[in-house]
Structure formats: structure tokens, C-alpha cells
Protein backbone atom coordinates (compact mmCIF):
# COMPACT_ATOMS: atom_id res chain seq x y z
CA MET A 1 33.69 -16.53 -10.80
CA ASN A 2 32.63 -19.34 -7.79
CA LEU A 3 29.48 -20.54 -8.15
CA LEU A 4 28.07 -18.60 -5.24
CA SER A 5 28.67 -14.83 -6.45
CA LEU A 6 27.42 -16.39 -9.68
CA SER A 7 24.17 -17.20 -8.27
CA TRP A 8 23.70 -13.79 -6.73
CA ASN A 9 25.02 -11.66 -9.18
CA TYR A 10 21.69 -13.20 -10.79
CA ILE A 11 19.85 -13.18 -8.02
CA LYS A 12 20.47 -9.02 -8.03
CA ALA A 13 19.41 -8.93 -11.29
CA ARG A 14 15.88 -9.18 -10.39
CA PRO A 15 15.50 -7.69 -7.24
CA LEU A 16 11.77 -7.16 -7.17
CA ASN A 17 11.44 -11.13 -7.08
CA MET A 18 13.80 -11.50 -4.94
CA VAL A 19 12.44 -9.34 -2.18
CA LEU A 20 8.88 -11.06 -2.72
CA ASN A 21 10.22 -14.30 -2.23
CA MET A 22 11.90 -13.39 0.83
CA LEU A 23 9.01 -11.32 2.50
CA LEU A 24 6.71 -15.18 1.40
CA MET A 25 9.04 -16.99 2.62
CA GLY A 26 10.01 -14.59 5.70
CA LEU A 27 6.37 -14.49 6.83
CA GLY A 28 5.91 -18.01 7.20
CA ILE A 29 8.45 -18.58 8.98
CA ALA A 30 8.92 -15.81 11.30
CA ILE A 31 4.38 -16.41 12.11
CA ILE A 32 5.94 -20.26 12.91
CA LEU A 33 8.94 -19.55 14.81
CA VAL A 34 6.61 -16.82 17.13
CA LEU A 35 4.24 -20.67 17.90
CA ILE A 36 7.33 -22.34 18.47
CA LEU A 37 8.81 -20.14 20.71
CA LEU A 38 5.38 -18.42 22.91
CA SER A 39 4.59 -22.47 22.98
CA SER A 40 7.72 -24.61 24.10
CA GLN A 41 8.41 -22.02 26.51
CA LEU A 42 5.13 -21.85 28.21
CA GLU A 43 5.27 -25.94 28.15
CA ASP A 44 8.49 -25.79 29.74
CA ASN A 45 7.68 -23.75 32.57
CA LEU A 46 4.35 -24.85 33.42
CA ALA A 47 6.22 -28.17 33.10
CA LYS A 48 8.92 -27.23 35.70
CA ASN A 49 6.51 -25.21 38.63
CA LYS A 50 4.63 -28.86 38.92
CA LYS A 51 7.47 -30.47 39.43
CA GLY A 52 6.99 -32.38 42.40
CA VAL A 53 3.11 -31.60 42.60
CA ASP A 54 0.76 -34.22 41.88
CA LEU A 55 -2.88 -32.63 43.41
CA VAL A 56 -3.75 -29.35 44.61
CA VAL A 57 -6.42 -29.67 47.02
CA GLY A 58 -8.39 -26.47 47.60
CA ALA A 59 -11.78 -24.08 47.55
CA LYS A 60 -14.27 -25.90 45.31
CA GLY A 61 -14.30 -23.88 41.98
CA SER A 62 -12.57 -24.46 38.78
CA PRO A 63 -10.34 -27.06 38.80
CA LEU A 64 -8.10 -24.95 36.06
CA GLN A 65 -7.87 -21.34 38.43
CA LEU A 66 -7.05 -23.49 41.04
CA ILE A 67 -3.98 -24.71 39.53
CA LEU A 68 -3.36 -21.29 37.88
CA ALA A 69 -3.61 -19.52 41.90
CA ASN A 70 -1.75 -21.81 43.96
CA VAL A 71 0.90 -24.12 41.14
CA TYR A 72 1.50 -20.60 39.02
CA HIS A 73 0.02 -17.77 40.58
CA ILE A 74 -1.13 -16.46 37.66
CA ASP A 75 -4.83 -16.40 38.91
CA PHE A 76 -7.07 -15.84 42.11
CA PRO A 77 -7.19 -18.63 44.60
CA THR A 78 -10.68 -19.93 44.96
CA GLY A 79 -11.34 -19.54 47.91
CA ASN A 80 -9.85 -21.31 51.50
CA ILE A 81 -10.40 -24.55 53.09
CA LYS A 82 -10.26 -25.83 56.47
CA LEU A 83 -6.71 -26.51 58.30
CA GLN A 84 -8.21 -29.20 60.36
CA GLU A 85 -9.93 -30.88 57.63
CA ALA A 86 -6.78 -30.26 55.29
CA LYS A 87 -4.95 -32.20 58.01
CA ASP A 88 -7.37 -34.65 58.11
CA LEU A 89 -6.88 -35.64 54.78
CA THR A 90 -2.94 -35.85 54.73
CA ARG A 91 -3.80 -38.94 57.29
CA ASN A 92 -4.53 -40.34 54.22
CA ARG A 93 -1.74 -43.61 53.44
CA LEU A 94 -1.78 -42.83 49.58
CA ILE A 95 -0.47 -39.22 50.41
CA ALA A 96 3.34 -38.76 51.11
CA SER A 97 3.96 -35.44 51.65
CA ALA A 98 1.61 -32.31 51.73
CA ILE A 99 2.74 -28.24 51.78
CA PRO A 100 0.24 -25.89 52.84
CA LEU A 101 -0.46 -22.87 51.68
CA ALA A 102 -1.74 -19.65 52.60
CA LEU A 103 -3.02 -16.88 49.64
CA GLY A 104 -4.61 -13.73 50.20
CA ASP A 105 -1.85 -10.77 50.33
CA ASN A 106 0.84 -9.36 47.99
CA TYR A 107 3.62 -5.89 48.30
CA ARG A 108 4.01 -3.87 45.37
CA GLY A 109 2.28 -6.85 42.88
CA TYR A 110 4.22 -10.04 44.14
CA ARG A 111 2.54 -12.68 46.23
CA ILE A 112 2.62 -13.34 49.40
CA VAL A 113 2.73 -16.48 50.15
CA GLY A 114 1.98 -18.63 53.92
CA THR A 115 4.15 -21.74 53.64
CA ASN A 116 7.02 -23.80 55.59
CA HIS A 117 10.15 -24.98 54.39
CA ASP A 118 9.17 -27.89 52.02
CA TYR A 119 8.36 -25.32 49.70
CA VAL A 120 11.73 -24.13 49.07
CA LYS A 121 13.01 -27.05 48.97
CA LEU A 122 9.99 -28.47 46.16
CA PHE A 123 11.71 -26.13 44.16
CA ASP A 124 15.69 -27.14 44.74
CA ALA A 125 15.69 -23.02 45.38
CA ALA A 126 18.53 -21.92 47.41
CA VAL A 127 19.24 -18.99 50.02
CA ASP A 128 21.43 -16.54 48.56
CA GLU A 129 21.62 -13.66 51.41
CA GLY A 130 20.32 -14.25 55.05
CA GLU A 131 18.59 -17.54 55.93
CA LEU A 132 15.02 -18.98 55.59
CA TRP A 133 12.19 -17.88 58.06
CA LYS A 134 12.02 -18.62 61.79
CA ASN A 135 10.30 -15.77 63.44
CA ASN A 136 6.66 -14.69 62.58
CA LEU A 137 6.34 -11.96 60.04
CA ASP A 138 9.88 -12.88 59.23
CA ALA A 139 10.17 -13.09 54.92
CA VAL A 140 11.91 -14.35 52.41
CA VAL A 141 12.31 -12.86 48.98
CA GLY A 142 12.35 -14.16 45.34
CA SER A 143 15.16 -13.33 43.18
CA ASN A 144 12.89 -11.44 40.76
CA VAL A 145 11.78 -9.54 43.55
CA ALA A 146 14.40 -8.42 45.30
CA GLN A 147 16.10 -7.25 41.86
CA SER A 148 12.99 -5.33 40.55
CA LEU A 149 12.12 -3.95 44.07
CA GLY A 150 15.79 -3.20 44.84
CA LEU A 151 15.01 -4.99 48.22
CA LYS A 152 17.68 -6.56 50.65
CA VAL A 153 18.23 -8.61 53.92
CA GLY A 154 16.75 -6.03 57.01
CA ASP A 155 14.09 -3.79 55.13
CA THR A 156 10.69 -4.10 56.06
CA PHE A 157 7.48 -3.46 54.24
CA PHE A 158 3.78 -3.82 54.75
CA GLY A 159 1.76 -6.01 52.61
CA ALA A 160 -1.59 -5.56 51.11
CA HIS A 161 -4.52 -7.28 51.13
CA GLY A 162 -5.81 -8.92 47.93
CA LEU A 163 -3.21 -9.52 44.75
CA SER A 164 -3.26 -6.99 43.44
CA VAL A 165 -0.73 -3.33 43.60
CA ALA A 166 -4.15 -0.64 44.59
CA ASP A 167 -5.62 -3.03 47.26
CA MET A 168 -4.86 -1.63 50.87
CA GLU A 169 -2.27 -2.58 52.95
CA HIS A 170 -2.10 -3.90 56.27
CA GLU A 171 -0.47 -0.95 58.03
CA GLU A 172 -0.37 -2.34 61.81
CA MET A 173 2.38 -5.14 60.93
CA SER A 174 5.10 -5.26 58.70
CA TYR A 175 7.43 -7.50 58.01
CA ARG A 176 11.18 -8.10 57.59
CA ILE A 177 12.90 -9.92 55.15
CA VAL A 178 15.85 -12.26 56.95
CA GLY A 179 17.07 -13.93 53.13
CA ILE A 180 16.83 -13.73 49.60
CA LEU A 181 16.97 -16.92 47.41
CA GLU A 182 18.68 -17.35 44.77
CA GLU A 183 18.03 -17.60 40.93
CA ASN A 184 15.82 -20.57 40.51
CA ASN A 185 13.88 -19.89 36.65
CA SER A 186 10.46 -20.75 38.13
CA VAL A 187 7.25 -18.85 39.70
CA ILE A 188 9.08 -18.89 43.35
CA ASP A 189 11.93 -16.16 42.25
CA LYS A 190 8.32 -13.62 41.89
CA LEU A 191 7.48 -14.36 45.76
CA ILE A 192 7.88 -13.37 48.71
CA LEU A 193 8.15 -16.47 51.59
CA THR A 194 6.20 -16.45 54.91
CA ASN A 195 5.04 -18.95 57.50
CA ILE A 196 1.38 -19.17 57.57
CA GLU A 197 0.72 -17.57 61.18
CA SER A 198 2.37 -14.68 59.82
CA VAL A 199 -0.27 -14.49 57.11
CA TRP A 200 -2.99 -15.47 59.34
CA ALA A 201 -1.09 -12.45 61.87
CA VAL A 202 -1.77 -9.86 59.54
CA HIS A 203 -4.91 -10.71 59.00
CA ASP A 204 -6.56 -11.15 62.64
CA HIS A 205 -4.38 -8.22 63.83
CA ASP A 206 -4.75 -9.64 67.44
CA GLU A 207 -1.50 -8.29 69.42
CA GLU A 208 -2.21 -10.38 71.76
CA HIS A 209 -1.92 -13.59 70.11
CA HIS A 210 0.60 -12.25 67.64
CA GLU A 211 3.43 -10.22 68.41
CA GLU A 212 5.57 -9.23 65.42
CA HIS A 213 8.33 -10.85 64.49
CA SER A 214 7.86 -13.12 67.98
CA GLU A 215 9.08 -16.51 68.06
CA PRO A 216 6.65 -19.02 66.62
CA GLN A 217 4.20 -20.99 69.10
CA LEU A 218 5.45 -24.19 69.87
CA GLY A 219 3.88 -26.85 67.88
CA SER A 220 3.45 -24.48 64.64
CA ALA A 221 5.41 -25.92 61.89
CA TYR A 222 7.34 -23.28 59.81
CA GLU A 223 9.73 -25.54 58.42
CA THR A 224 7.81 -28.91 57.14
CA GLY A 225 4.04 -30.15 58.25
CA PHE A 226 1.17 -27.83 58.80
CA PRO A 227 0.94 -25.14 61.84
CA GLU A 228 -1.37 -25.16 64.87
CA GLY A 229 -4.88 -23.25 64.70
CA ASP A 230 -7.92 -22.64 66.38
CA GLU A 231 -11.19 -25.06 64.40
CA ASP A 232 -11.90 -21.29 62.33
CA ALA A 233 -8.14 -21.32 61.18
CA GLU A 234 -7.71 -21.65 57.07
CA ILE A 235 -5.35 -21.94 54.51
CA THR A 236 -5.83 -21.37 50.83
CA SER A 237 -4.60 -25.11 49.81
CA MET A 238 -2.48 -27.82 49.50
CA LEU A 239 0.26 -29.54 47.30
CA ILE A 240 0.20 -32.95 47.78
CA LYS A 241 2.96 -36.00 46.44
CA PHE A 242 0.94 -39.10 46.12
CA ARG A 243 3.25 -42.46 47.76
CA SER A 244 1.95 -44.70 44.85
CA PRO A 245 0.07 -44.28 41.45
CA MET A 246 -2.95 -46.01 43.45
CA GLY A 247 -3.42 -42.19 44.70
CA ALA A 248 -4.39 -41.01 41.39
CA VAL A 249 -6.88 -43.07 40.50
CA THR A 250 -8.95 -43.17 44.48
CA LEU A 251 -7.86 -39.38 46.23
CA PRO A 252 -9.43 -36.99 43.54
CA ARG A 253 -12.69 -38.36 43.02
CA MET A 254 -12.46 -39.28 46.78
CA ILE A 255 -11.70 -35.74 47.73
CA ASN A 256 -14.38 -33.98 45.33
CA ALA A 257 -17.32 -36.17 46.75
CA ASP A 258 -17.05 -37.01 50.11
CA THR A 259 -15.73 -33.38 51.30
CA ASN A 260 -16.07 -29.46 50.72
CA MET A 261 -12.79 -29.22 49.01
CA GLN A 262 -11.69 -30.03 45.39
CA ALA A 263 -8.95 -31.51 44.01
CA ALA A 264 -7.45 -31.37 41.59
CA SER A 265 -4.30 -32.74 38.90
CA PRO A 266 -1.48 -30.23 37.39
CA ALA A 267 -1.12 -32.71 34.45
CA PHE A 268 -4.50 -33.24 33.36
CA GLU A 269 -5.44 -29.41 33.65
CA THR A 270 -2.57 -28.06 32.00
CA GLN A 271 -2.82 -30.85 29.43
CA ARG A 272 -6.53 -30.09 28.70
CA LEU A 273 -5.61 -26.38 28.56
CA PHE A 274 -2.58 -26.88 26.31
CA SER A 275 -5.38 -29.39 24.28
CA LEU A 276 -8.03 -26.41 23.87
CA LEU A 277 -5.01 -23.89 22.78
CA GLY A 278 -3.53 -26.69 20.21
CA ILE A 279 -6.43 -25.88 18.04
CA GLY A 280 -5.83 -22.69 17.40
CA VAL A 281 -1.80 -22.86 17.00
CA ASP A 282 -1.93 -25.87 14.80
CA LEU A 283 -4.50 -23.66 12.99
CA LEU A 284 -2.14 -20.90 12.89
CA LYS A 285 0.50 -23.28 11.82
CA ALA A 286 -0.73 -24.53 9.53
CA PHE A 287 -1.85 -21.27 7.90
CA ALA A 288 2.35 -20.52 7.62
CA ALA A 289 3.16 -23.50 6.29
CA ILE A 290 0.63 -22.82 3.25
CA ILE A 291 2.30 -19.13 3.66
CA ILE A 292 5.98 -20.63 3.13
CA ILE A 293 4.85 -23.71 0.12
CA ILE A 294 3.48 -20.75 -1.63
CA ALA A 295 6.76 -18.87 -1.16
CA GLY A 296 8.44 -22.02 -2.68
CA LEU A 297 6.14 -22.12 -5.74
CA SER A 298 6.65 -18.39 -5.69
CA ILE A 299 10.86 -19.18 -6.08
CA PHE A 300 10.17 -22.07 -8.64
CA ILE A 301 7.74 -19.66 -10.97
CA SER A 302 10.71 -17.26 -10.53
CA LEU A 303 14.22 -19.41 -11.67
CA TYR A 304 11.73 -21.31 -14.39
CA ASN A 305 10.97 -17.63 -15.59
CA ALA A 306 14.38 -16.77 -15.93
CA LEU A 307 15.70 -19.09 -16.64
CA LYS A 308 13.63 -19.16 -20.16
CA ASP A 309 16.06 -15.96 -20.39
CA ARG A 310 19.30 -17.08 -19.37
CA LYS A 311 19.41 -20.26 -21.72
CA TYR A 312 22.12 -18.04 -24.07
CA ASP A 313 24.07 -17.40 -21.15
CA LEU A 314 24.05 -20.59 -20.18
CA ALA A 315 25.13 -21.76 -22.96
CA ILE A 316 27.65 -19.16 -23.41
CA MET A 317 29.45 -20.94 -20.29
CA ARG A 318 29.17 -23.75 -21.48
CA SER A 319 30.78 -23.45 -24.24
CA LEU A 320 33.67 -21.68 -21.88
CA GLY A 321 33.98 -25.00 -20.40
CA ALA A 322 31.47 -24.75 -17.71
CA SER A 323 29.75 -28.72 -16.78
CA LYS A 324 26.44 -29.65 -16.76
CA THR A 325 27.21 -30.36 -12.88
CA LYS A 326 28.25 -26.77 -12.49
CA LEU A 327 24.97 -25.38 -14.10
CA PHE A 328 22.54 -27.69 -12.16
CA PHE A 329 23.90 -26.46 -8.74
CA HIS A 330 24.22 -23.01 -9.80
CA VAL A 331 20.46 -22.90 -10.11
CA VAL A 332 19.65 -24.66 -7.16
CA LEU A 333 22.11 -22.28 -5.43
CA GLU A 334 19.64 -19.28 -6.13
CA GLY A 335 17.14 -21.18 -4.61
CA VAL A 336 18.88 -22.06 -1.48
CA ILE A 337 20.34 -18.36 -1.03
CA ILE A 338 16.82 -17.21 -1.12
CA THR A 339 15.02 -19.36 1.37
CA VAL A 340 18.18 -18.71 3.75
CA LEU A 341 17.95 -15.17 3.65
CA GLY A 342 13.49 -15.47 3.51
CA GLY A 343 14.98 -17.40 6.59
CA LEU A 344 16.74 -15.08 8.24
CA LEU A 345 14.59 -12.52 8.09
CA GLY A 346 11.94 -15.01 9.20
CA PHE A 347 14.09 -15.56 12.00
CA LEU A 348 14.89 -11.53 13.21
CA ILE A 349 10.57 -11.01 12.41
CA GLY A 350 9.43 -14.07 14.10
CA HIS A 351 12.29 -13.75 18.15
CA GLY A 352 11.56 -9.84 17.66
CA LEU A 353 7.82 -10.01 17.67
CA THR A 354 8.43 -12.55 20.39
CA GLU A 355 10.05 -10.33 22.39
CA PHE A 356 7.68 -7.25 21.30
CA LEU A 357 4.34 -9.55 22.62
CA ALA A 358 5.63 -10.28 25.56
CA GLY A 359 6.23 -6.39 26.49
CA LEU A 360 2.85 -5.94 26.19
CA TYR A 361 2.37 -8.82 28.28
CA GLU A 362 2.12 -7.68 31.90
CA LYS A 363 2.01 -10.88 33.14
CA SER A 364 5.39 -12.11 30.54
CA ASP A 365 7.44 -12.22 33.83
CA GLU A 366 5.07 -14.19 35.90
CA ILE A 367 5.16 -17.42 33.56
CA GLY A 368 8.91 -16.46 31.55
CA LEU A 369 7.86 -15.38 27.89
CA THR A 370 11.08 -13.65 26.45
CA GLY A 371 11.97 -13.66 22.06
CA LEU A 372 15.75 -13.88 23.61
CA ILE A 373 15.81 -17.52 23.31
CA PHE A 374 16.58 -20.04 20.53
CA VAL A 375 14.91 -23.66 20.77
CA LYS A 376 15.79 -26.67 18.68
CA GLN A 377 12.68 -26.92 16.74
CA GLU A 378 13.84 -23.86 15.02
CA LEU A 379 16.77 -25.46 13.43
CA ALA A 380 14.13 -27.89 11.79
CA VAL A 381 12.47 -24.74 10.16
CA MET A 382 14.89 -23.65 8.56
CA LEU A 383 16.10 -26.97 7.53
CA ILE A 384 13.16 -27.42 5.82
CA SER A 385 12.44 -24.02 4.36
CA VAL A 386 16.12 -25.01 2.74
CA GLY A 387 14.49 -28.05 1.69
CA ILE A 388 11.57 -26.16 0.12
CA GLY A 389 13.81 -23.81 -1.70
CA ILE A 390 15.83 -27.20 -3.09
CA ILE A 391 12.66 -28.91 -4.14
CA ALA A 392 11.30 -25.26 -5.87
CA SER A 393 14.68 -24.83 -7.97
CA LEU A 394 14.89 -28.98 -8.76
CA ILE A 395 13.00 -28.23 -11.80
CA PRO A 396 14.75 -25.14 -13.06
CA ALA A 397 18.02 -26.78 -12.55
CA ILE A 398 17.39 -29.98 -14.22
CA ASN A 399 16.35 -27.81 -17.63
CA ALA A 400 19.51 -25.90 -17.35
CA TYR A 401 21.53 -29.21 -16.82
CA LYS A 402 19.70 -30.65 -20.27
CA THR A 403 20.51 -26.99 -22.37
CA ASP A 404 21.52 -28.11 -25.73
CA ILE A 405 24.39 -25.85 -26.41
CA SER A 406 23.93 -25.83 -30.33
CA GLU A 407 20.43 -25.65 -29.93
CA VAL A 408 20.17 -21.93 -28.55
CA LEU A 409 23.41 -20.66 -30.02
CA ALA A 410 21.84 -21.42 -33.64
CA LYS A 411 19.00 -19.39 -32.21
CA GLU A 412 20.50 -16.58 -31.35
């Protein structure tokens, strides 16, 4: 009989201990895996969506809200800023580029974003069907929007005021879909894009100046730059890229102190957010680590107590030719089997629980949460759990190695 089958037979002889140890180990590993999966996905998605954006400028309010609304599109905007003030700011020599955004409408829960073609280039997004917008009230939809709502090129729809499904529709003017983007695995998959003049048009309802599907006014920048507008024209924000690192030092302070606008750094705000969340995450990880250590102690006690009842069996095995090394690895293998089974149980529970939590959270699609992925840290957790199983079984294994055949058989 080989070592694996022998160890497994001894484990099955103590089913209650095996189940208890597996559950303890599995519970600790599951908690850690849930935290790893959630935090790693959040960090990856936040990092991906803020790529190429050094600064967000918008209306005064919460800096974090400004970032969440205009970079990640998971919060409400802080307000609007004057178009002319935004344009004046872009003349600063420390600014390499600026992309304007106009928010405030949605279609069946998906946000309509007024911007220019530079926003599509920011995400390295490509057109799957049709083309990017060229006329007023042309719209390009992300892959998730098209798939979820069954939209195709040529369809028309009415936007609704606000960012929730229940808001009132702008029934005076309809958008026409001219393009669908390829899946990009970023926030752009969940957006409906158009030019800023279209967002103004559906809010102004001025048919003399805004005709459906008309060519943009001369000088309006639907491909790059800012549109032309009167002195009352407003946008929601702009995404800025610095020309040099000096911009990070001087621009935010200057904007916040000397203008009616607010500047917020996506890198700083997301780091601050994770530092706040990190306290709770670290506490939960510590709690899970304690559970895993308790599971290791339970395995140690179980093997140590079982060894007292099995000394005669081990002595017989030695007398039949089994080496001390074989007995040593036999006991170690028992601990490894229990921790591996507990690890697999924790793996299933952790991924299943993450997927369940993602399903409960209505905005999980917006931030890309799922339990159906594997991250590198999970392998480290599994290896650590196996290591704990080996450590927990070392003392019983050493005792098995030192078993005195003659003494045990004499007693029996």
C-alpha cells in the first residue's frame, strides 16, 4: 500500500476530526480569498480606468465624488463649470491635453457622455460596427450597452434627464446610433458617447439652433478640443494630462485657490480611498489568518492524539520493513491532505461567495466585480496553507520517526 492511500485511510478513520479541520482551514482561506479577489479587481479596474488622466477639473465639492463621477462614472457629478473658464485654463503651458465631458443624462440606466473622439483614444477603444459620431445627436455605444439593451447601428432612442432609470425622457430629440465599440474591459464599455453639442441640444430644446442629426456648427470640436458655445455654456468636467511633473505640484493648488473650479487627482483620491478601506481589509485578513492558525493547531492536536492510538500500528509497519522515513512522511502527508482539502473547500467557497456578493451589488458590472477569475495571490495562500499543514504535522511525524519498536510491542 502506498503512502497516499495509507494516509487517506487513516484520515477516513477519523471523519469528524477531518471535517472539522477542513472547515476551519476552508473558512479562513475563503475569507482571505474573498478579500483578495475584491481588492485586486477594484485596484486593477480603478488603475485601468484612470490611465492617462493626471487631473480632473470640475465644480467644487467632494474631490472623491469628482473622481468617481467623471473617471469611473459611479457617482453623481458635483455640478457644472463654465465652458470659457475651462478653455482659459487649458492655455496653461503645464497642460498637455484636456478632454471635456458633459454628463447628466442616461438611457435605461447607462450614462450618456458628451465628449470628443479623444476620449475614445484615451481608452485605446476601437469601433466594432459603424463609425464614431460626426453629426449632432449621433451616438456611439459601448459593447456592454449594446449587448445588454440589444442595440444596433441605426437604432434611435430618447435620453432621460438624470442618471437613474426612472428619470423623465427628453422626448423632443432622439439619438441615432452610428457606431458600436469593441469590448474594451473598461468603463467605456458601459457608456453612450456623443458630442457635447448634442447634450446641450436635448437640454436647450431650441430647434432654431439645434436640428436633429445636423452637421456640427463650424468650429465645434467633436474630434478634439472644446466645442464653441455662448457665455452661459457649461460642461461637467475635463480630464487633464500634464506636460511635465511640475503640473502635479502647481496646477491643483492654483485651480482650487484662484478659480471657481476644483481640481482632484485620480491617483491621490483612489490611494486615499484604499487607505481608508485598507484598515477594515487588514483586520479581516488578520481574523482569517487567526482562523487558519487555529486550523493548523487543530490538525496538530488531531495528529498528535491519533499518534498515541496508532503507535502499535506504526510499530507493526516498522517490523514489516517500513523505514523510519516512510513513517515520517506518512504522518506529514496526513496533514498535507487535510490542508489541501480544506484549501480546495476554501477556494470554492471564496470564489462562490465573491460571485454571490457581486450579484447582490447592483453596480458590480460597473466596477467589474466577479468571482470567476483567478489571481496570482491565491496560489500563495494555497501554498501557505499547505505549509501550515506541514508545520502542524512535524512534531507528530518526528514522534512517529522515533517510535521504539521493541518498547511498543512489549507493552502490547
